[in-house]
Each structure stands twice: as C-alpha cells, then as structure tokens.
C-alpha cells in the first residue's frame, strides 16, 4: 500500500507540473503586443484624410497613425469647425509625437468669426492674408511648449484658379508663420509631387480638387523620412 500511494502521489505531482507549464506557455503566447511608442495624428480637410490613409501603409509597427481630418473644413469658417480649438483639445488630452496638418482648399472664401460674421472678405487680399496668418499661428501655437512637433503639409494648386491660387498663398503664409516657431516644420505637396506653382494636373481627380490615390501614396512615401526625423 505504501508503494502504491507513493506512485499515485508522484503521478499527481507530475501532472500538476505539466499543467502549470502549459498554462505558462499559453499566458505568454496570449500576451498582447506593446502599444507603439510613436503616434502621428493627421488633421485637416479631405486631402488630409487621404494622406493619413496613405501614411498608415508606409509606417512600421512602431508607429500608430490617427486620422482626425474632417471633410469640408478649414480655417475660414470657425462657426462651422474650429481647428485651433480642436487642436488645443488634442494637445491637452491626446498629444501625438507629430501632428501632420494639411488644409486650405475649402478656404477660398470670406473669413468669418465664430458667430458667422465676416471679418475679412476674400477680395480684400491684404486683410485676408493677415487674418488667415493669425489663424495659422493659433493652430500651430496649440502645441507651443509641448513635446509635439507639427508638420504642416501645404496644398497643391488645384484646377480652378480661385482655389488653386489661394492654396499657394496659404502655403506661403504657413511658411512665414512657421519661421518663428521652431516646433513647426513645413512641407509642401506641390514640392513633394513635383507640380510646383502650376496646377497639379497629373495628380488631380476629375473634380479638379482632390488628389488621386497614387499621388497621395507618392506624397506619403516622401513624408516618412521627414516624420522619422521629428520623432
């Protein structure tokens, strides 16, 4: 009886050890991958939505790309969408490693205040530029004193001059605003895509406004090294 009892005890101990070993392996295998240490947040208009989607396919597993763009938005109509205010919330609550900010094609219009009152007519170029530059500065300043770097990506010249030429003015205003803000870096879709100051014909969809998927992919590929340098 003593020998039989010893054998039974031994079997129980061996079985328990094997069970523990399997459980440990299972737990280890189920451990989730750590969260990426780098976050890019893409903000702006419908162009930014496409650019953010393209960036997701170009970055590695150590980067997460969040897209908070909104179609039809810009800096012209804070009564409809307040980008400086939205970016202040982002900086406070969910600050990214890098903010990619791109808009402009919806802004070839009068500038209003938060109540919808016109404060600068599109026809008054000097006043419009001054007010738009102030709004760009407010958007950039949401990240003043934070670890977040801002990468502004300026818009191409689109088919219609009213929008396309305003886009290129906005790019120059953004470059001027960034010059005194060391946390802001400027890129330009027109430069990345090689379209310059001419309408970006090869990259425009039939609507003459939005960019093709292939050109968004091209721009995203060119932006990745710049983003990496800001991390």
C-alpha atoms as a PDB file:
ATOM      1  CA  UNK A   1       0.000   0.000   0.000  1.00  0.00           C
ATOM      2  CA  UNK A   2       2.834   2.363   0.800  1.00  0.00           C
ATOM      3  CA  UNK A   3       4.418   1.815  -2.618  1.00  0.00           C
ATOM      4  CA  UNK A   4       1.102   2.313  -4.403  1.00  0.00           C
ATOM      5  CA  UNK A   5       0.419   5.533  -2.523  1.00  0.00           C
ATOM      6  CA  UNK A   6       3.869   6.866  -3.429  1.00  0.00           C
ATOM      7  CA  UNK A   7       3.257   6.128  -7.117  1.00  0.00           C
ATOM      8  CA  UNK A   8      -0.119   7.900  -7.069  1.00  0.00           C
ATOM      9  CA  UNK A   9       1.360  10.958  -5.358  1.00  0.00           C
ATOM     10  CA  UNK A  10       4.136  11.067  -7.943  1.00  0.00           C
ATOM     11  CA  UNK A  11       1.641  10.973 -10.817  1.00  0.00           C
ATOM     12  CA  UNK A  12      -0.350  13.842  -9.301  1.00  0.00           C
ATOM     13  CA  UNK A  13       2.787  15.945  -8.896  1.00  0.00           C
ATOM     14  CA  UNK A  14       3.966  15.292 -12.457  1.00  0.00           C
ATOM     15  CA  UNK A  15       0.527  16.069 -13.855  1.00  0.00           C
ATOM     16  CA  UNK A  16       0.370  19.312 -11.919  1.00  0.00           C
ATOM     17  CA  UNK A  17       3.797  20.368 -13.162  1.00  0.00           C
ATOM     18  CA  UNK A  18       2.842  19.666 -16.765  1.00  0.00           C
ATOM     19  CA  UNK A  19      -0.394  21.608 -16.351  1.00  0.00           C
ATOM     20  CA  UNK A  20       1.455  24.577 -14.927  1.00  0.00           C
ATOM     21  CA  UNK A  21       3.935  24.504 -17.787  1.00  0.00           C
ATOM     22  CA  UNK A  22       1.184  24.581 -20.406  1.00  0.00           C
ATOM     23  CA  UNK A  23      -0.643  27.336 -18.619  1.00  0.00           C
ATOM     24  CA  UNK A  24       2.510  29.458 -18.517  1.00  0.00           C
ATOM     25  CA  UNK A  25       3.134  28.951 -22.220  1.00  0.00           C
ATOM     26  CA  UNK A  26      -0.455  29.839 -23.051  1.00  0.00           C
ATOM     27  CA  UNK A  27      -0.346  33.012 -20.999  1.00  0.00           C
ATOM     28  CA  UNK A  28       2.922  34.058 -22.618  1.00  0.00           C
ATOM     29  CA  UNK A  29       1.562  33.450 -26.124  1.00  0.00           C
ATOM     30  CA  UNK A  30      -1.546  35.460 -25.337  1.00  0.00           C
ATOM     31  CA  UNK A  31       0.429  38.488 -24.182  1.00  0.00           C
ATOM     32  CA  UNK A  32      -0.549  41.382 -26.433  1.00  0.00           C
ATOM     33  CA  UNK A  33       1.985  43.356 -28.418  1.00  0.00           C
ATOM     34  CA  UNK A  34       3.005  46.595 -26.650  1.00  0.00           C
ATOM     35  CA  UNK A  35       1.457  49.823 -27.860  1.00  0.00           C
ATOM     36  CA  UNK A  36       3.530  51.670 -30.489  1.00  0.00           C
ATOM     37  CA  UNK A  37       5.748  54.293 -28.898  1.00  0.00           C
ATOM     38  CA  UNK A  38       5.222  56.819 -31.690  1.00  0.00           C
ATOM     39  CA  UNK A  39       1.933  58.430 -32.723  1.00  0.00           C
ATOM     40  CA  UNK A  40       1.278  60.530 -35.802  1.00  0.00           C
ATOM     41  CA  UNK A  41      -2.019  62.399 -35.799  1.00  0.00           C
ATOM     42  CA  UNK A  42      -3.202  63.706 -39.171  1.00  0.00           C
ATOM     43  CA  UNK A  43      -5.598  66.673 -39.116  1.00  0.00           C
ATOM     44  CA  UNK A  44      -7.196  68.917 -41.703  1.00  0.00           C
ATOM     45  CA  UNK A  45      -9.583  68.643 -44.645  1.00  0.00           C
ATOM     46  CA  UNK A  46     -10.449  65.819 -47.051  1.00  0.00           C
ATOM     47  CA  UNK A  47      -6.930  65.869 -48.517  1.00  0.00           C
ATOM     48  CA  UNK A  48      -5.594  65.094 -45.049  1.00  0.00           C
ATOM     49  CA  UNK A  49      -7.946  62.129 -44.805  1.00  0.00           C
ATOM     50  CA  UNK A  50      -6.429  60.610 -47.926  1.00  0.00           C
ATOM     51  CA  UNK A  51      -2.912  61.476 -46.817  1.00  0.00           C
ATOM     52  CA  UNK A  52      -3.475  59.875 -43.411  1.00  0.00           C
ATOM     53  CA  UNK A  53      -4.761  56.684 -45.026  1.00  0.00           C
ATOM     54  CA  UNK A  54      -1.681  56.557 -47.249  1.00  0.00           C
ATOM     55  CA  UNK A  55       0.672  57.146 -44.308  1.00  0.00           C
ATOM     56  CA  UNK A  56      -0.794  54.158 -42.499  1.00  0.00           C
ATOM     57  CA  UNK A  57       0.533  51.903 -45.256  1.00  0.00           C
ATOM     58  CA  UNK A  58       4.013  53.435 -45.187  1.00  0.00           C
ATOM     59  CA  UNK A  59       4.863  53.355 -41.466  1.00  0.00           C
ATOM     60  CA  UNK A  60       6.195  50.461 -39.412  1.00  0.00           C
ATOM     61  CA  UNK A  61       4.735  48.544 -36.476  1.00  0.00           C
ATOM     62  CA  UNK A  62       6.343  51.002 -34.050  1.00  0.00           C
ATOM     63  CA  UNK A  63       4.084  53.826 -35.279  1.00  0.00           C
ATOM     64  CA  UNK A  64       0.339  54.358 -34.970  1.00  0.00           C
ATOM     65  CA  UNK A  65      -1.359  56.817 -37.342  1.00  0.00           C
ATOM     66  CA  UNK A  66      -4.530  58.521 -36.107  1.00  0.00           C
ATOM     67  CA  UNK A  67      -6.663  60.480 -38.561  1.00  0.00           C
ATOM     68  CA  UNK A  68      -8.918  63.259 -37.246  1.00  0.00           C
ATOM     69  CA  UNK A  69      -9.448  65.090 -40.527  1.00  0.00           C
ATOM     70  CA  UNK A  70     -12.912  66.371 -41.420  1.00  0.00           C
ATOM     71  CA  UNK A  71     -14.254  66.906 -44.926  1.00  0.00           C
ATOM     72  CA  UNK A  72     -15.180  70.437 -45.941  1.00  0.00           C
ATOM     73  CA  UNK A  73     -13.242  72.087 -43.125  1.00  0.00           C
ATOM     74  CA  UNK A  74     -10.547  74.736 -42.976  1.00  0.00           C
ATOM     75  CA  UNK A  75      -9.699  77.922 -41.123  1.00  0.00           C
ATOM     76  CA  UNK A  76     -12.166  80.194 -42.929  1.00  0.00           C
ATOM     77  CA  UNK A  77     -15.326  79.252 -41.044  1.00  0.00           C
ATOM     78  CA  UNK A  78     -14.826  78.713 -37.288  1.00  0.00           C
ATOM     79  CA  UNK A  79     -18.602  78.903 -36.960  1.00  0.00           C
ATOM     80  CA  UNK A  80     -18.676  75.519 -38.709  1.00  0.00           C
ATOM     81  CA  UNK A  81     -15.433  73.940 -37.467  1.00  0.00           C
ATOM     82  CA  UNK A  82     -12.845  75.422 -35.121  1.00  0.00           C
ATOM     83  CA  UNK A  83      -9.483  73.834 -35.916  1.00  0.00           C
ATOM     84  CA  UNK A  84      -7.391  75.892 -33.461  1.00  0.00           C
ATOM     85  CA  UNK A  85      -9.815  74.928 -30.680  1.00  0.00           C
ATOM     86  CA  UNK A  86      -9.807  71.276 -31.768  1.00  0.00           C
ATOM     87  CA  UNK A  87      -6.016  71.216 -31.768  1.00  0.00           C
ATOM     88  CA  UNK A  88      -5.874  72.744 -28.300  1.00  0.00           C
ATOM     89  CA  UNK A  89      -8.009  69.823 -27.097  1.00  0.00           C
ATOM     90  CA  UNK A  90      -5.714  67.366 -28.860  1.00  0.00           C
ATOM     91  CA  UNK A  91      -2.605  68.920 -27.316  1.00  0.00           C
ATOM     92  CA  UNK A  92      -4.189  68.748 -23.877  1.00  0.00           C
ATOM     93  CA  UNK A  93      -5.821  65.317 -23.981  1.00  0.00           C
ATOM     94  CA  UNK A  94      -4.116  63.145 -26.641  1.00  0.00           C
ATOM     95  CA  UNK A  95      -0.832  64.794 -27.689  1.00  0.00           C
ATOM     96  CA  UNK A  96       0.834  62.978 -30.596  1.00  0.00           C
ATOM     97  CA  UNK A  97       4.526  62.667 -31.315  1.00  0.00           C
ATOM     98  CA  UNK A  98       3.932  64.557 -34.553  1.00  0.00           C
ATOM     99  CA  UNK A  99       0.879  66.413 -35.803  1.00  0.00           C
ATOM    100  CA  UNK A 100       0.522  66.385 -39.599  1.00  0.00           C
ATOM    101  CA  UNK A 101      -1.673  69.362 -40.504  1.00  0.00           C
ATOM    102  CA  UNK A 102      -2.950  69.971 -44.037  1.00  0.00           C
ATOM    103  CA  UNK A 103      -5.814  72.114 -45.290  1.00  0.00           C
ATOM    104  CA  UNK A 104      -6.628  75.065 -47.488  1.00  0.00           C
ATOM    105  CA  UNK A 105      -8.790  74.002 -50.419  1.00  0.00           C
ATOM    106  CA  UNK A 106     -12.012  74.950 -48.608  1.00  0.00           C
ATOM    107  CA  UNK A 107     -10.762  78.373 -47.600  1.00  0.00           C
ATOM    108  CA  UNK A 108     -11.031  80.421 -50.807  1.00  0.00           C
ATOM    109  CA  UNK A 109     -13.863  82.484 -49.309  1.00  0.00           C
ATOM    110  CA  UNK A 110     -14.595  85.260 -46.845  1.00  0.00           C
ATOM    111  CA  UNK A 111     -13.251  84.672 -43.343  1.00  0.00           C
ATOM    112  CA  UNK A 112     -15.824  84.738 -40.567  1.00  0.00           C
ATOM    113  CA  UNK A 113     -15.678  84.726 -36.796  1.00  0.00           C
ATOM    114  CA  UNK A 114     -17.227  82.101 -34.522  1.00  0.00           C
ATOM    115  CA  UNK A 115     -20.634  83.764 -34.910  1.00  0.00           C
ATOM    116  CA  UNK A 116     -20.501  83.705 -38.705  1.00  0.00           C
ATOM    117  CA  UNK A 117     -19.823  87.413 -39.085  1.00  0.00           C
ATOM    118  CA  UNK A 118     -17.445  88.253 -41.931  1.00  0.00           C
ATOM    119  CA  UNK A 119     -14.185  89.694 -40.621  1.00  0.00           C
ATOM    120  CA  UNK A 120     -12.116  89.630 -43.828  1.00  0.00           C
ATOM    121  CA  UNK A 121     -13.501  89.489 -47.352  1.00  0.00           C
ATOM    122  CA  UNK A 122     -11.756  87.264 -49.882  1.00  0.00           C
ATOM    123  CA  UNK A 123     -11.494  90.268 -52.192  1.00  0.00           C
ATOM    124  CA  UNK A 124      -9.510  92.243 -49.588  1.00  0.00           C
ATOM    125  CA  UNK A 125      -6.268  90.326 -50.089  1.00  0.00           C
ATOM    126  CA  UNK A 126      -4.104  92.111 -47.521  1.00  0.00           C
ATOM    127  CA  UNK A 127      -6.668  91.901 -44.718  1.00  0.00           C
ATOM    128  CA  UNK A 128      -7.498  88.294 -45.632  1.00  0.00           C
ATOM    129  CA  UNK A 129      -3.850  87.254 -45.573  1.00  0.00           C
ATOM    130  CA  UNK A 130      -3.268  88.924 -42.213  1.00  0.00           C
ATOM    131  CA  UNK A 131      -6.259  87.232 -40.603  1.00  0.00           C
ATOM    132  CA  UNK A 132      -5.519  83.845 -42.136  1.00  0.00           C
ATOM    133  CA  UNK A 133      -1.910  84.052 -40.952  1.00  0.00           C
ATOM    134  CA  UNK A 134      -3.193  84.781 -37.448  1.00  0.00           C
ATOM    135  CA  UNK A 135      -5.356  81.653 -37.596  1.00  0.00           C
ATOM    136  CA  UNK A 136      -2.490  79.507 -38.814  1.00  0.00           C
ATOM    137  CA  UNK A 137      -0.420  80.826 -35.913  1.00  0.00           C
ATOM    138  CA  UNK A 138      -3.193  79.966 -33.455  1.00  0.00           C
ATOM    139  CA  UNK A 139      -3.349  76.411 -34.798  1.00  0.00           C
ATOM    140  CA  UNK A 140       0.426  75.998 -34.548  1.00  0.00           C
ATOM    141  CA  UNK A 141       0.515  77.596 -31.095  1.00  0.00           C
ATOM    142  CA  UNK A 142      -1.748  74.890 -29.686  1.00  0.00           C
ATOM    143  CA  UNK A 143       1.471  72.851 -29.393  1.00  0.00           C
ATOM    144  CA  UNK A 144       3.749  75.592 -28.089  1.00  0.00           C
ATOM    145  CA  UNK A 145       5.655  74.292 -25.062  1.00  0.00           C
ATOM    146  CA  UNK A 146       4.631  70.663 -25.664  1.00  0.00           C
ATOM    147  CA  UNK A 147       6.753  67.719 -26.886  1.00  0.00           C
ATOM    148  CA  UNK A 148       4.630  67.510 -30.057  1.00  0.00           C
ATOM    149  CA  UNK A 149       6.201  68.544 -33.340  1.00  0.00           C
ATOM    150  CA  UNK A 150       3.992  69.988 -36.074  1.00  0.00           C
ATOM    151  CA  UNK A 151       4.478  69.131 -39.744  1.00  0.00           C
ATOM    152  CA  UNK A 152       2.462  71.444 -41.956  1.00  0.00           C
ATOM    153  CA  UNK A 153       1.786  69.989 -45.421  1.00  0.00           C
ATOM    154  CA  UNK A 154       0.714  72.701 -47.842  1.00  0.00           C
ATOM    155  CA  UNK A 155      -1.854  72.172 -50.607  1.00  0.00           C
ATOM    156  CA  UNK A 156      -1.173  71.937 -54.338  1.00  0.00           C
ATOM    157  CA  UNK A 157      -2.540  74.335 -56.908  1.00  0.00           C
ATOM    158  CA  UNK A 158      -5.857  72.854 -57.969  1.00  0.00           C
ATOM    159  CA  UNK A 159      -7.576  73.230 -61.349  1.00  0.00           C
ATOM    160  CA  UNK A 160      -9.694  76.290 -60.560  1.00  0.00           C
ATOM    161  CA  UNK A 161      -7.641  79.446 -60.005  1.00  0.00           C
ATOM    162  CA  UNK A 162      -9.914  80.771 -57.262  1.00  0.00           C
ATOM    163  CA  UNK A 163      -8.993  77.775 -55.090  1.00  0.00           C
ATOM    164  CA  UNK A 164      -5.631  76.880 -56.559  1.00  0.00           C
ATOM    165  CA  UNK A 165      -4.024  80.289 -56.241  1.00  0.00           C
ATOM    166  CA  UNK A 166      -5.418  80.715 -52.733  1.00  0.00           C
ATOM    167  CA  UNK A 167      -3.846  77.371 -51.832  1.00  0.00           C
ATOM    168  CA  UNK A 168      -0.440  78.631 -52.878  1.00  0.00           C
ATOM    169  CA  UNK A 169      -0.896  81.843 -50.892  1.00  0.00           C
ATOM    170  CA  UNK A 170      -1.809  79.730 -47.860  1.00  0.00           C
ATOM    171  CA  UNK A 171       1.390  77.724 -48.281  1.00  0.00           C
ATOM    172  CA  UNK A 172       3.450  80.920 -48.225  1.00  0.00           C
ATOM    173  CA  UNK A 173       1.566  82.219 -45.184  1.00  0.00           C
ATOM    174  CA  UNK A 174       2.190  78.917 -43.376  1.00  0.00           C
ATOM    175  CA  UNK A 175       5.899  79.030 -44.176  1.00  0.00           C
ATOM    176  CA  UNK A 176       6.086  82.572 -42.783  1.00  0.00           C
ATOM    177  CA  UNK A 177       4.191  81.564 -39.633  1.00  0.00           C
ATOM    178  CA  UNK A 178       6.430  78.542 -39.097  1.00  0.00           C
ATOM    179  CA  UNK A 179       9.628  80.560 -39.442  1.00  0.00           C
ATOM    180  CA  UNK A 180       9.271  81.952 -35.902  1.00  0.00           C
ATOM    181  CA  UNK A 181       8.021  78.664 -34.410  1.00  0.00           C
ATOM    182  CA  UNK A 182      10.811  76.083 -34.053  1.00  0.00           C
ATOM    183  CA  UNK A 183       8.363  73.258 -33.268  1.00  0.00           C
ATOM    184  CA  UNK A 184       6.759  73.650 -36.720  1.00  0.00           C
ATOM    185  CA  UNK A 185       8.262  72.162 -39.887  1.00  0.00           C
ATOM    186  CA  UNK A 186       6.913  72.958 -43.341  1.00  0.00           C
ATOM    187  CA  UNK A 187       6.390  70.556 -46.229  1.00  0.00           C
ATOM    188  CA  UNK A 188       4.585  71.189 -49.496  1.00  0.00           C
ATOM    189  CA  UNK A 189       2.565  68.728 -51.555  1.00  0.00           C
ATOM    190  CA  UNK A 190       3.460  70.711 -54.664  1.00  0.00           C
ATOM    191  CA  UNK A 191       7.147  70.147 -53.923  1.00  0.00           C
ATOM    192  CA  UNK A 192       6.730  66.514 -52.897  1.00  0.00           C
ATOM    193  CA  UNK A 193       4.815  65.743 -56.081  1.00  0.00           C
ATOM    194  CA  UNK A 194       6.920  67.934 -58.359  1.00  0.00           C
ATOM    195  CA  UNK A 195       3.980  70.040 -59.560  1.00  0.00           C
ATOM    196  CA  UNK A 196       5.330  73.394 -58.386  1.00  0.00           C
ATOM    197  CA  UNK A 197       3.248  76.511 -58.861  1.00  0.00           C
ATOM    198  CA  UNK A 198       1.338  75.083 -61.811  1.00  0.00           C
ATOM    199  CA  UNK A 199      -1.967  73.192 -61.465  1.00  0.00           C
ATOM    200  CA  UNK A 200      -1.183  69.642 -60.294  1.00  0.00           C
ATOM    201  CA  UNK A 201      -2.865  68.166 -63.377  1.00  0.00           C
ATOM    202  CA  UNK A 202      -1.307  64.694 -63.194  1.00  0.00           C
ATOM    203  CA  UNK A 203      -2.425  64.275 -59.585  1.00  0.00           C
ATOM    204  CA  UNK A 204      -5.943  65.711 -59.658  1.00  0.00           C
ATOM    205  CA  UNK A 205      -9.096  63.657 -59.842  1.00  0.00           C
ATOM    206  CA  UNK A 206     -11.838  64.519 -62.296  1.00  0.00           C
ATOM    207  CA  UNK A 207     -13.236  67.110 -59.877  1.00  0.00           C
ATOM    208  CA  UNK A 208     -10.035  69.121 -60.240  1.00  0.00           C
ATOM    209  CA  UNK A 209      -9.740  69.404 -56.469  1.00  0.00           C
ATOM    210  CA  UNK A 210      -8.892  66.108 -54.784  1.00  0.00           C
ATOM    211  CA  UNK A 211      -5.716  64.098 -55.232  1.00  0.00           C
ATOM    212  CA  UNK A 212      -5.531  60.631 -56.753  1.00  0.00           C
ATOM    213  CA  UNK A 213      -4.641  57.666 -54.558  1.00  0.00           C
ATOM    214  CA  UNK A 214      -1.364  57.142 -56.409  1.00  0.00           C
ATOM    215  CA  UNK A 215      -0.252  60.724 -55.736  1.00  0.00           C
ATOM    216  CA  UNK A 216      -1.279  60.509 -52.090  1.00  0.00           C
ATOM    217  CA  UNK A 217       0.849  57.352 -51.822  1.00  0.00           C
ATOM    218  CA  UNK A 218       3.714  59.179 -53.516  1.00  0.00           C
ATOM    219  CA  UNK A 219       3.443  62.083 -51.091  1.00  0.00           C
ATOM    220  CA  UNK A 220       3.214  59.794 -48.072  1.00  0.00           C
ATOM    221  CA  UNK A 221       6.346  57.928 -49.127  1.00  0.00           C
ATOM    222  CA  UNK A 222       8.225  61.222 -49.397  1.00  0.00           C
ATOM    223  CA  UNK A 223       6.941  62.385 -46.000  1.00  0.00           C
ATOM    224  CA  UNK A 224       8.009  59.325 -43.999  1.00  0.00           C
ATOM    225  CA  UNK A 225      11.711  60.340 -43.699  1.00  0.00           C
ATOM    226  CA  UNK A 226      10.675  63.805 -42.551  1.00  0.00           C
ATOM    227  CA  UNK A 227       8.344  62.354 -39.956  1.00  0.00           C
ATOM    228  CA  UNK A 228      11.054  59.977 -38.743  1.00  0.00           C
ATOM    229  CA  UNK A 229      13.444  62.882 -38.267  1.00  0.00           C
ATOM    230  CA  UNK A 230      10.905  64.618 -35.991  1.00  0.00           C
ATOM    231  CA  UNK A 231      10.427  61.680 -33.608  1.00  0.00           C
END
